[in-house]
Amino acid sequence: MLAIFRKEISQFFSSPIAYIIMGVFLTAMGLLLWVFPDTSLLESGYADMGTFFNLTPYLLLFLVPAITMRSIADEVRLGALEWLLTKPVSRWGIIGGKFLASWLLVVIVLLPTLIYYISLYKLGSPVGNIDSAGVFGSYTGLVLLAGVFVAIGLWASSFNDNQVVAFVLGVFVSFLLYVGLSALANLSVLGSISYYLSLLALDEQYRSLGRGVIDSRNVIYLISVILLFLLLTTNRLKSTL
């Protein structure tokens, strides 16, 4: 697994993909949070990162599948996956290494955004007038949510050797689990089922962590979804090779 992890990280940073993704994400967030008046933190009049944590998942819905779309699809297209499986590494090792590398890249992309928290902490009146516990909980939820999107993206990439198909499928499934389930839960015709759909929705789990108290149930649920899609990806490799 460690060899796969190192290989993936090396590939990311030896190509312009990682830098383009980081640049696009940070530029988009910078414009949304500091320039555009409708979402600007400076226009809100108080130190709060709610806008950042509300908008970031929607950017990750597109950026994460862009990272993962080639992870397995490219290996299949080049015939490298069969070669990897001849090495002393299990399918879990391959998938685990690719997952950790992609997840780390997303975390690295998120790290510079800590300057937003530091800026608001300093700009607060008095200094430090910001809900630090809520920010910490929201970052925890954001990292776990990114892990879910990475796992979904790897699963989507395992279906064929077409990166575009992997990207579209990854975005669709991530959007469905993050937004779709909540939208369905608001339909009154579903009755009591709506309650259970809302519990399964990723956005509800994510928002719960942003309330300042890290509930182990939310963490366990998000980790379980990650493991589920990694298992589905591993089984998909077994059926195609």
Protein backbone atom coordinates (compact mmCIF):
# COMPACT_ATOMS: atom_id res chain seq x y z
CA MET A 1 0.00 0.00 0.00
CA LEU A 2 2.81 2.42 0.88
CA ALA A 3 4.43 1.94 -2.53
CA ILE A 4 1.13 2.67 -4.28
CA PHE A 5 0.63 5.72 -2.07
CA ARG A 6 4.08 7.09 -2.93
CA LYS A 7 3.56 6.39 -6.64
CA GLU A 8 0.23 8.25 -6.69
CA ILE A 9 1.57 11.26 -4.76
CA SER A 10 4.57 11.44 -7.09
CA GLN A 11 2.31 11.35 -10.15
CA PHE A 12 0.05 14.07 -8.75
CA PHE A 13 2.83 16.54 -8.08
CA SER A 14 4.91 15.72 -11.15
CA SER A 15 2.02 16.79 -13.39
CA PRO A 16 0.15 20.11 -13.54
CA ILE A 17 -3.12 18.48 -12.41
CA ALA A 18 -2.56 18.96 -8.68
CA TYR A 19 -1.47 22.58 -9.09
CA ILE A 20 -4.36 23.41 -11.41
CA ILE A 21 -6.87 21.93 -8.97
CA MET A 22 -5.35 23.79 -6.04
CA GLY A 23 -5.25 27.02 -8.02
CA VAL A 24 -8.85 26.72 -9.21
CA PHE A 25 -10.17 25.87 -5.74
CA LEU A 26 -8.29 28.62 -3.89
CA THR A 27 -9.07 31.24 -6.53
CA ALA A 28 -12.77 30.36 -6.53
CA MET A 29 -12.97 30.42 -2.73
CA GLY A 30 -10.99 33.65 -2.54
CA LEU A 31 -13.37 35.39 -4.95
CA LEU A 32 -16.46 34.04 -3.23
CA LEU A 33 -15.35 34.86 0.31
CA TRP A 34 -13.51 38.15 -0.11
CA VAL A 35 -14.56 39.78 -3.41
CA PHE A 36 -18.14 38.95 -4.46
CA PRO A 37 -20.42 41.10 -2.26
CA ASP A 38 -23.24 38.55 -1.95
CA THR A 39 -20.96 36.01 -0.24
CA SER A 40 -18.13 38.20 1.09
CA LEU A 41 -17.12 37.64 4.71
CA LEU A 42 -16.23 41.32 4.97
CA GLU A 43 -19.77 42.33 4.02
CA SER A 44 -21.41 40.10 6.65
CA GLY A 45 -20.29 42.33 9.52
CA TYR A 46 -19.33 39.53 11.90
CA ALA A 47 -16.65 36.86 12.20
CA ASP A 48 -18.26 33.72 10.87
CA MET A 49 -17.04 31.04 8.45
CA GLY A 50 -20.48 29.64 7.72
CA THR A 51 -20.34 30.81 4.11
CA PHE A 52 -17.05 28.99 3.54
CA PHE A 53 -18.32 25.72 5.00
CA ASN A 54 -21.59 25.99 3.08
CA LEU A 55 -19.93 26.58 -0.30
CA THR A 56 -16.88 24.33 -0.10
CA PRO A 57 -18.71 20.97 -0.39
CA TYR A 58 -20.24 22.09 -3.69
CA LEU A 59 -16.79 22.89 -5.10
CA LEU A 60 -15.47 19.56 -3.83
CA LEU A 61 -18.33 17.79 -5.63
CA PHE A 62 -16.55 18.68 -8.88
CA LEU A 63 -12.91 18.94 -7.84
CA VAL A 64 -12.64 15.55 -6.12
CA PRO A 65 -13.96 13.53 -9.11
CA ALA A 66 -11.48 15.50 -11.25
CA ILE A 67 -8.71 14.14 -9.01
CA THR A 68 -9.93 10.54 -8.89
CA MET A 69 -11.31 10.06 -12.41
CA ARG A 70 -7.98 8.78 -13.75
CA SER A 71 -6.93 6.77 -10.68
CA ILE A 72 -8.20 3.41 -11.92
CA ALA A 73 -9.55 4.26 -15.39
CA ASP A 74 -6.06 5.19 -16.57
CA GLU A 75 -4.56 2.01 -15.11
CA VAL A 76 -7.16 -0.06 -16.99
CA ARG A 77 -6.64 1.84 -20.25
CA LEU A 78 -2.86 1.43 -20.11
CA GLY A 79 -3.03 -2.19 -18.93
CA ALA A 80 -1.07 -1.26 -15.80
CA LEU A 81 -3.68 -2.61 -13.39
CA GLU A 82 -3.08 -6.21 -14.43
CA TRP A 83 0.66 -5.59 -13.99
CA LEU A 84 0.09 -4.20 -10.49
CA LEU A 85 -1.91 -7.27 -9.52
CA THR A 86 1.06 -9.47 -10.38
CA LYS A 87 3.07 -7.69 -7.70
CA PRO A 88 2.99 -8.65 -4.01
CA VAL A 89 0.18 -6.22 -3.22
CA SER A 90 -3.48 -7.01 -2.61
CA ARG A 91 -6.47 -5.30 -4.22
CA TRP A 92 -7.12 -3.62 -0.88
CA GLY A 93 -3.54 -2.40 -0.90
CA ILE A 94 -3.95 -0.89 -4.37
CA ILE A 95 -7.28 0.77 -3.57
CA GLY A 96 -6.11 1.87 -0.13
CA GLY A 97 -2.95 3.49 -1.47
CA LYS A 98 -4.83 5.33 -4.20
CA PHE A 99 -7.50 6.45 -1.73
CA LEU A 100 -5.04 7.80 0.84
CA ALA A 101 -3.04 9.64 -1.83
CA SER A 102 -6.12 11.33 -3.30
CA TRP A 103 -7.49 12.14 0.16
CA LEU A 104 -4.18 13.68 1.20
CA LEU A 105 -4.17 15.84 -1.92
CA VAL A 106 -7.63 17.20 -1.03
CA VAL A 107 -6.48 17.90 2.55
CA ILE A 108 -3.44 19.75 1.18
CA VAL A 109 -5.79 21.84 -0.98
CA LEU A 110 -7.86 22.69 2.12
CA LEU A 111 -4.90 23.59 4.37
CA PRO A 112 -4.32 27.11 2.95
CA THR A 113 -7.93 27.99 3.83
CA LEU A 114 -6.92 28.02 7.49
CA ILE A 115 -5.72 31.56 6.78
CA TYR A 116 -9.41 32.52 6.52
CA TYR A 117 -9.92 31.41 10.11
CA ILE A 118 -6.77 33.21 11.27
CA SER A 119 -7.86 36.39 9.46
CA LEU A 120 -11.34 36.35 11.00
CA TYR A 121 -9.85 35.55 14.40
CA LYS A 122 -7.68 38.67 14.16
CA LEU A 123 -10.42 40.84 12.66
CA GLY A 124 -12.96 39.93 15.33
CA SER A 125 -14.04 42.54 17.84
CA PRO A 126 -12.70 41.72 20.33
CA VAL A 127 -9.87 39.66 18.84
CA GLY A 128 -10.79 35.98 18.90
CA ASN A 129 -14.53 36.59 18.70
CA ILE A 130 -15.24 33.55 16.54
CA ASP A 131 -16.76 30.14 17.23
CA SER A 132 -13.51 28.16 17.18
CA ALA A 133 -15.20 24.93 18.29
CA GLY A 134 -17.66 25.20 15.40
CA VAL A 135 -14.81 25.88 12.96
CA PHE A 136 -12.86 22.86 14.21
CA GLY A 137 -15.95 20.64 13.95
CA SER A 138 -16.72 21.92 10.45
CA TYR A 139 -13.14 21.27 9.27
CA THR A 140 -13.37 17.74 10.70
CA GLY A 141 -16.62 17.21 8.81
CA LEU A 142 -15.15 18.71 5.65
CA VAL A 143 -12.13 16.38 5.71
CA LEU A 144 -14.36 13.33 6.27
CA LEU A 145 -16.80 14.47 3.57
CA ALA A 146 -13.87 14.86 1.18
CA GLY A 147 -12.89 11.28 2.05
CA VAL A 148 -16.39 10.12 1.10
CA PHE A 149 -16.18 11.96 -2.23
CA VAL A 150 -12.75 10.41 -2.89
CA ALA A 151 -14.07 6.90 -2.18
CA ILE A 152 -17.04 7.51 -4.50
CA GLY A 153 -14.70 8.87 -7.17
CA LEU A 154 -12.49 5.77 -7.02
CA TRP A 155 -15.54 3.53 -7.31
CA ALA A 156 -16.72 5.52 -10.35
CA SER A 157 -13.23 5.28 -11.89
CA SER A 158 -13.30 1.48 -11.59
CA PHE A 159 -16.18 1.00 -14.06
CA ASN A 160 -14.27 1.47 -17.32
CA ASP A 161 -11.26 3.15 -18.89
CA ASN A 162 -13.11 6.39 -19.76
CA GLN A 163 -12.11 9.26 -17.49
CA VAL A 164 -15.04 11.45 -18.57
CA VAL A 165 -17.54 8.75 -17.62
CA ALA A 166 -15.77 8.33 -14.28
CA PHE A 167 -15.94 12.09 -13.64
CA VAL A 168 -19.65 12.39 -14.50
CA LEU A 169 -20.59 9.30 -12.49
CA GLY A 170 -18.54 10.48 -9.50
CA VAL A 171 -20.18 13.92 -9.54
CA PHE A 172 -23.66 12.42 -9.93
CA VAL A 173 -23.40 9.91 -7.08
CA SER A 174 -21.71 12.44 -4.76
CA PHE A 175 -24.41 15.01 -5.52
CA LEU A 176 -27.14 12.42 -5.00
CA LEU A 177 -25.85 11.42 -1.56
CA TYR A 178 -25.01 14.98 -0.47
CA VAL A 179 -28.00 16.91 -1.81
CA GLY A 180 -30.42 14.42 -3.34
CA LEU A 181 -31.32 12.50 -0.20
CA SER A 182 -32.09 15.73 1.69
CA ALA A 183 -34.26 16.93 -1.19
CA LEU A 184 -36.16 13.65 -1.20
CA ALA A 185 -36.57 13.85 2.58
CA ASN A 186 -38.46 17.13 2.13
CA LEU A 187 -41.16 15.44 0.06
CA SER A 188 -44.21 15.06 2.29
CA VAL A 189 -45.53 12.13 0.24
CA LEU A 190 -42.80 9.88 1.64
CA GLY A 191 -44.15 10.14 5.17
CA SER A 192 -41.99 8.58 7.89
CA ILE A 193 -39.40 7.50 5.30
CA SER A 194 -38.36 11.15 5.02
CA TYR A 195 -36.88 11.05 8.51
CA TYR A 196 -34.59 8.12 7.70
CA LEU A 197 -33.55 9.66 4.37
CA SER A 198 -32.52 12.84 6.17
CA LEU A 199 -30.37 10.79 8.56
CA LEU A 200 -28.62 9.11 5.61
CA ALA A 201 -27.98 12.40 3.78
CA LEU A 202 -24.32 13.42 3.85
CA ASP A 203 -25.13 17.11 4.27
CA GLU A 204 -27.00 16.42 7.50
CA GLN A 205 -24.05 14.49 8.92
CA TYR A 206 -21.68 17.24 7.80
CA ARG A 207 -23.76 20.05 9.33
CA SER A 208 -24.07 18.16 12.61
CA LEU A 209 -20.29 18.18 13.01
CA GLY A 210 -20.27 21.94 12.40
CA ARG A 211 -22.33 22.63 15.51
CA GLY A 212 -19.20 22.55 17.65
CA VAL A 213 -19.64 19.11 19.23
CA ILE A 214 -18.06 16.18 17.38
CA ASP A 215 -20.58 13.37 17.69
CA SER A 216 -19.00 9.95 17.23
CA ARG A 217 -22.15 8.79 15.41
CA ASN A 218 -21.56 11.30 12.60
CA VAL A 219 -17.88 10.35 12.36
CA ILE A 220 -18.65 6.62 12.32
CA TYR A 221 -21.32 7.08 9.65
CA LEU A 222 -19.02 9.01 7.31
CA ILE A 223 -16.18 6.53 7.81
CA SER A 224 -18.63 3.68 7.14
CA VAL A 225 -19.64 5.25 3.82
CA ILE A 226 -15.96 5.55 2.89
CA LEU A 227 -15.34 1.89 3.70
CA LEU A 228 -18.49 0.85 1.82
CA PHE A 229 -17.38 2.48 -1.43
CA LEU A 230 -13.82 1.17 -1.04
CA LEU A 231 -15.30 -2.32 -0.63
CA LEU A 232 -17.47 -1.80 -3.72
CA THR A 233 -14.40 -0.67 -5.65
CA THR A 234 -12.42 -3.74 -4.58
CA ASN A 235 -15.28 -6.04 -5.56
CA ARG A 236 -15.56 -4.24 -8.87
CA LEU A 237 -11.90 -5.00 -9.60
CA LYS A 238 -12.48 -8.67 -8.75
CA SER A 239 -15.34 -8.89 -11.25
CA THR A 240 -13.55 -7.13 -14.10
CA LEU A 241 -10.11 -8.73 -13.89
